[in-house]
Amino acid sequence: MSVSEPESASGHVRRRIIRWRGNRFEEAEDEIAEECPIELRYNEQSFAVMMATPRDLEDFALGFSLSEGLIAAPGQLLEVVSRNLLEGIQLDIRVRDDAPAAHLEQAHRRLLPGRSSCGICGTRQLEHALRAPGPVHGNLHLGMAELERAMAELQRRQPANAATGAVHAAAWVRAGGADMLVREDVGRHNALDKLIGALHRAGLDPASGFALVTSRASYEMVTKAASAGISVLAAISAPTALAIELARGAGMTLIGFARAGSCNVYCGSERLQAG
């Protein structure tokens, strides 16, 4: 797969601003998060336009394809070619003939662009919007001290957010804390898609670890995590009622308000251990 990313591969750019500070205006420079439209095309057929941070695009193409059920396995994605256009970035994705994305019907394509805060914008039919994830498997168990260490480490692994204060992060941690993989994006669901793609490209089994997100745990975050085989999802903010029901149905562990010394467990507490 070949993808060329913009010059600002950091995902943020520097801009001149006017700052009010100390009871006066002053000129300054600020780091601003990038956001641009990214069109995903499958075998020359347009599927969706997502608003996202223009970096880690190969991870995004693979993770989005997997979490949206457009391919059943990473091997069905053959090539990703990125084209920088005046209007944004076009990702031409080539998939095998046996991949679902090779036979997209008009009804499955999205009508509207997916905003950075919206994971399903433009979906035409209710059954396509609400996809109940299948059951997760594995015997992962997580100590609460390990979860707290991972949350603390995640704060140190967000360079784009540290620079701009404007992006989300999704992280995967191998059980035992040996490895952490992090992706950032202006959209929480984009960050998770990029993480899922990065895991598969690195040859890591998502089921052998747990996921952290620096956002609320909305239903599409649960759906994407479950589709990747991740059985434990922890968020620094709250889940929605639908997210809890979907997580319970998939047999996931869903944690919200994850903080040092406290969190809420909404389902799947049997995987968690004190200490």
Protein backbone atom coordinates (compact mmCIF):
# COMPACT_ATOMS: atom_id res chain seq x y z
CA MET A 1 0.00 0.00 0.00
CA SER A 2 1.26 3.47 -0.76
CA VAL A 3 0.09 6.67 0.86
CA SER A 4 1.70 10.10 0.71
CA GLU A 5 0.67 12.43 3.52
CA PRO A 6 0.75 16.24 3.63
CA GLU A 7 3.86 18.13 4.63
CA SER A 8 2.38 18.82 8.07
CA ALA A 9 2.46 15.14 9.02
CA SER A 10 2.16 16.19 12.65
CA GLY A 11 -1.52 16.92 12.07
CA HIS A 12 -1.24 20.55 13.12
CA VAL A 13 0.00 23.82 11.66
CA ARG A 14 1.23 27.13 13.05
CA ARG A 15 -0.85 30.27 12.58
CA ARG A 16 -0.54 33.90 13.63
CA ILE A 17 -3.19 34.97 16.14
CA ILE A 18 -4.13 37.85 18.41
CA ARG A 19 -4.14 36.86 22.09
CA TRP A 20 -5.78 38.73 24.96
CA ARG A 21 -3.61 38.38 28.03
CA GLY A 22 -2.56 40.61 30.90
CA ASN A 23 -5.29 43.13 30.07
CA ARG A 24 -3.89 43.77 26.58
CA PHE A 25 -3.84 42.34 23.05
CA GLU A 26 -0.64 40.82 21.70
CA GLU A 27 0.44 39.05 18.52
CA ALA A 28 1.42 35.41 18.94
CA GLU A 29 1.75 32.11 17.11
CA ASP A 30 -0.43 29.15 17.93
CA GLU A 31 -0.52 25.48 16.93
CA ILE A 32 -3.83 24.63 15.25
CA ALA A 33 -5.19 21.14 14.59
CA GLU A 34 -5.72 20.28 10.93
CA GLU A 35 -9.07 19.00 9.68
CA CYS A 36 -9.92 18.24 6.07
CA PRO A 37 -12.37 16.19 3.98
CA ILE A 38 -11.11 12.72 3.11
CA GLU A 39 -13.00 10.78 0.46
CA LEU A 40 -12.87 6.99 0.67
CA ARG A 41 -13.38 5.24 -2.66
CA TYR A 42 -13.58 1.46 -3.08
CA ASN A 43 -12.72 0.00 -6.47
CA GLU A 44 -13.40 3.41 -8.04
CA GLN A 45 -16.77 3.79 -6.31
CA SER A 46 -17.18 6.66 -3.85
CA PHE A 47 -18.41 5.49 -0.43
CA ALA A 48 -17.98 8.30 2.12
CA VAL A 49 -16.33 11.63 2.86
CA MET A 50 -15.03 11.93 6.41
CA MET A 51 -13.68 15.02 8.16
CA ALA A 52 -10.42 13.93 9.73
CA THR A 53 -6.86 14.84 10.61
CA PRO A 54 -4.74 14.24 7.48
CA ARG A 55 -2.19 11.87 8.98
CA ASP A 56 -1.92 8.10 9.52
CA LEU A 57 -4.08 7.69 6.43
CA GLU A 58 -3.03 4.12 5.70
CA ASP A 59 -4.09 3.15 9.21
CA PHE A 60 -7.35 5.03 8.69
CA ALA A 61 -8.15 3.30 5.41
CA LEU A 62 -7.60 -0.16 6.88
CA GLY A 63 -9.28 0.50 10.23
CA PHE A 64 -12.33 2.20 8.69
CA SER A 65 -12.71 -0.61 6.17
CA LEU A 66 -12.63 -3.24 8.92
CA SER A 67 -14.83 -1.47 11.47
CA GLU A 68 -17.46 -0.59 8.85
CA GLY A 69 -17.60 -4.16 7.56
CA LEU A 70 -16.29 -3.16 4.12
CA ILE A 71 -13.67 -5.88 4.30
CA ALA A 72 -13.84 -9.05 6.38
CA ALA A 73 -10.09 -9.38 6.90
CA PRO A 74 -7.04 -7.13 6.40
CA GLY A 75 -5.87 -9.26 3.48
CA GLN A 76 -8.88 -8.19 1.43
CA LEU A 77 -7.46 -4.67 1.21
CA LEU A 78 -4.97 -4.70 -1.66
CA GLU A 79 -3.88 -1.10 -2.12
CA VAL A 80 -4.44 2.46 -0.91
CA VAL A 81 -3.45 5.37 -3.13
CA SER A 82 -3.73 8.90 -1.74
CA ARG A 83 -4.34 11.92 -3.95
CA ASN A 84 -4.04 15.44 -2.59
CA LEU A 85 -6.72 17.51 -4.33
CA LEU A 86 -7.69 21.15 -3.98
CA GLU A 87 -10.84 20.16 -2.10
CA GLY A 88 -9.20 17.63 0.21
CA ILE A 89 -7.68 14.15 0.08
CA GLN A 90 -8.95 11.23 -1.94
CA LEU A 91 -8.14 7.69 -0.82
CA ASP A 92 -8.52 5.20 -3.66
CA ILE A 93 -8.83 1.83 -1.97
CA ARG A 94 -8.62 -1.36 -3.99
CA VAL A 95 -10.14 -4.48 -2.44
CA ARG A 96 -10.44 -8.11 -3.51
CA ASP A 97 -13.53 -9.22 -5.39
CA ASP A 98 -14.72 -11.26 -2.39
CA ALA A 99 -14.72 -8.18 -0.10
CA PRO A 100 -18.10 -6.58 0.73
CA ALA A 101 -16.79 -3.22 -0.51
CA ALA A 102 -16.34 -4.69 -3.99
CA HIS A 103 -20.13 -4.97 -4.31
CA LEU A 104 -21.45 -1.78 -2.78
CA GLU A 105 -25.05 -1.05 -3.57
CA GLN A 106 -26.23 2.53 -3.98
CA ALA A 107 -28.19 2.21 -0.72
CA HIS A 108 -25.01 1.55 1.26
CA ARG A 109 -23.21 4.71 0.15
CA ARG A 110 -23.35 7.77 2.35
CA LEU A 111 -25.32 10.85 1.35
CA LEU A 112 -23.57 13.40 3.57
CA PRO A 113 -20.00 13.91 4.71
CA GLY A 114 -19.07 12.44 8.09
CA ARG A 115 -18.19 15.33 10.38
CA SER A 116 -15.32 14.86 12.80
CA SER A 117 -17.87 14.41 15.61
CA CYS A 118 -20.13 12.06 13.65
CA GLY A 119 -19.38 8.43 12.86
CA ILE A 120 -22.48 7.65 10.77
CA CYS A 121 -23.34 10.91 8.97
CA GLY A 122 -25.00 10.25 5.64
CA THR A 123 -26.01 6.65 6.35
CA ARG A 124 -29.22 6.13 4.41
CA GLN A 125 -31.06 3.40 6.31
CA LEU A 126 -31.61 2.62 9.99
CA GLU A 127 -30.34 -0.94 9.70
CA HIS A 128 -27.05 0.41 8.33
CA ALA A 129 -26.74 2.98 11.11
CA LEU A 130 -27.32 0.61 14.03
CA ARG A 131 -25.16 -2.46 13.55
CA ALA A 132 -25.16 -4.65 16.64
CA PRO A 133 -21.62 -6.01 17.06
CA GLY A 134 -20.99 -9.71 17.40
CA PRO A 135 -19.76 -11.21 20.67
CA VAL A 136 -16.18 -10.62 21.78
CA HIS A 137 -14.04 -13.52 22.93
CA GLY A 138 -10.89 -14.06 24.93
CA ASN A 139 -10.01 -14.36 28.60
CA LEU A 140 -8.50 -10.91 29.20
CA HIS A 141 -8.40 -9.77 32.84
CA LEU A 142 -7.40 -6.28 33.86
CA GLY A 143 -6.14 -4.99 37.19
CA MET A 144 -7.32 -1.53 38.18
CA ALA A 145 -3.76 -0.41 38.88
CA GLU A 146 -2.82 -1.38 35.33
CA LEU A 147 -5.71 0.66 33.97
CA GLU A 148 -4.61 3.71 35.96
CA ARG A 149 -1.01 3.37 34.76
CA ALA A 150 -2.22 3.17 31.17
CA MET A 151 -4.38 6.29 31.55
CA ALA A 152 -1.43 8.21 32.98
CA GLU A 153 0.85 7.03 30.17
CA LEU A 154 -1.72 7.99 27.54
CA GLN A 155 -1.54 11.62 28.68
CA ARG A 156 2.16 11.58 27.76
CA ARG A 157 1.53 9.98 24.35
CA GLN A 158 -0.61 12.72 22.75
CA PRO A 159 1.75 15.17 21.02
CA ALA A 160 -0.92 16.65 18.72
CA ASN A 161 -3.29 17.32 21.60
CA ALA A 162 -0.48 18.68 23.74
CA ALA A 163 0.28 21.17 20.96
CA THR A 164 -3.31 22.13 20.06
CA GLY A 165 -5.71 20.99 22.78
CA ALA A 166 -8.12 20.03 19.99
CA VAL A 167 -7.79 16.32 19.19
CA HIS A 168 -8.88 12.97 20.60
CA ALA A 169 -6.73 9.92 21.15
CA ALA A 170 -7.41 6.20 21.09
CA ALA A 171 -4.90 3.81 22.62
CA TRP A 172 -4.43 0.06 22.81
CA VAL A 173 -2.46 -1.52 25.63
CA ARG A 174 -1.30 -5.13 25.66
CA ALA A 175 -2.38 -6.97 28.80
CA GLY A 176 0.47 -6.61 31.27
CA GLY A 177 1.33 -3.13 30.02
CA ALA A 178 4.23 -4.16 27.78
CA ASP A 179 3.09 -2.24 24.69
CA MET A 180 0.98 0.85 23.99
CA LEU A 181 -0.12 2.04 20.58
CA VAL A 182 -1.77 5.48 20.18
CA ARG A 183 -3.44 7.34 17.33
CA GLU A 184 -4.85 10.89 17.39
CA ASP A 185 -7.51 12.65 15.32
CA VAL A 186 -9.97 15.51 15.55
CA GLY A 187 -12.71 12.87 15.43
CA ARG A 188 -12.95 10.32 18.21
CA HIS A 189 -14.18 7.57 15.88
CA ASN A 190 -11.43 8.40 13.36
CA ALA A 191 -8.81 8.00 16.09
CA LEU A 192 -10.23 4.57 16.92
CA ASP A 193 -10.33 3.54 13.25
CA LYS A 194 -6.70 4.61 12.88
CA LEU A 195 -5.81 2.61 15.98
CA ILE A 196 -7.53 -0.52 14.66
CA GLY A 197 -5.72 -0.17 11.35
CA ALA A 198 -2.39 0.40 13.08
CA LEU A 199 -2.87 -2.72 15.20
CA HIS A 200 -3.41 -4.93 12.18
CA ARG A 201 -0.56 -3.35 10.23
CA ALA A 202 1.73 -4.01 13.20
CA GLY A 203 0.60 -7.64 13.41
CA LEU A 204 -0.88 -7.20 16.88
CA ASP A 205 -3.95 -9.10 18.06
CA PRO A 206 -6.51 -6.54 19.32
CA ALA A 207 -8.04 -9.18 21.61
CA SER A 208 -4.79 -9.44 23.59
CA GLY A 209 -5.19 -5.95 25.06
CA PHE A 210 -7.64 -3.23 26.05
CA ALA A 211 -8.55 0.14 24.56
CA LEU A 212 -8.64 3.66 26.01
CA VAL A 213 -10.34 6.69 24.47
CA THR A 214 -10.12 10.35 25.49
CA SER A 215 -13.78 10.98 24.69
CA ARG A 216 -17.23 9.81 25.57
CA ALA A 217 -18.03 6.19 24.82
CA SER A 218 -20.75 6.63 22.21
CA TYR A 219 -22.33 3.64 20.57
CA GLU A 220 -20.15 3.71 17.45
CA MET A 221 -17.04 3.52 19.64
CA VAL A 222 -18.39 0.34 21.23
CA THR A 223 -19.35 -1.07 17.84
CA LYS A 224 -15.93 -0.38 16.33
CA ALA A 225 -14.05 -1.77 19.34
CA ALA A 226 -16.18 -4.92 19.45
CA SER A 227 -15.81 -5.46 15.71
CA ALA A 228 -12.04 -5.43 16.22
CA GLY A 229 -12.29 -8.04 18.98
CA ILE A 230 -11.44 -5.63 21.81
CA SER A 231 -13.23 -6.80 24.96
CA VAL A 232 -12.43 -3.89 27.32
CA LEU A 233 -13.07 -0.24 26.44
CA ALA A 234 -12.34 2.54 28.92
CA ALA A 235 -13.28 6.18 28.31
CA ILE A 236 -12.39 9.30 30.25
CA SER A 237 -15.94 10.56 29.77
CA ALA A 238 -19.39 9.00 29.96
CA PRO A 239 -21.00 6.31 27.81
CA THR A 240 -24.42 6.64 26.25
CA ALA A 241 -27.31 4.33 27.15
CA LEU A 242 -27.16 2.73 23.70
CA ALA A 243 -23.43 2.15 24.05
CA ILE A 244 -24.01 0.32 27.33
CA GLU A 245 -26.69 -1.91 25.81
CA LEU A 246 -24.53 -2.77 22.81
CA ALA A 247 -21.49 -3.45 25.00
CA ARG A 248 -23.55 -5.70 27.26
CA GLY A 249 -24.93 -7.57 24.28
CA ALA A 250 -21.44 -8.12 22.88
CA GLY A 251 -20.08 -9.30 26.25
CA MET A 252 -17.72 -6.33 26.55
CA THR A 253 -16.42 -4.52 29.61
CA LEU A 254 -17.32 -0.83 29.38
CA ILE A 255 -15.72 1.71 31.71
CA GLY A 256 -16.46 5.43 31.91
CA PHE A 257 -15.10 8.42 33.83
CA ALA A 258 -11.74 6.66 34.10
CA ARG A 259 -9.61 8.71 36.47
CA ALA A 260 -6.79 8.15 38.91
CA GLY A 261 -8.41 6.30 41.80
CA SER A 262 -11.92 6.03 40.35
CA CYS A 263 -14.06 4.92 37.41
CA ASN A 264 -17.55 3.66 36.65
CA VAL A 265 -18.05 0.14 35.34
CA TYR A 266 -21.23 -0.19 33.28
CA CYS A 267 -20.97 -3.86 32.26
CA GLY A 268 -18.48 -6.72 32.21
CA SER A 269 -17.05 -6.18 35.70
CA GLU A 270 -16.00 -9.85 35.87
CA ARG A 271 -12.89 -9.01 33.83
CA LEU A 272 -11.67 -6.44 36.37
CA GLN A 273 -9.55 -7.10 39.41
CA ALA A 274 -8.73 -4.90 42.38
CA GLY A 275 -5.09 -3.91 42.69
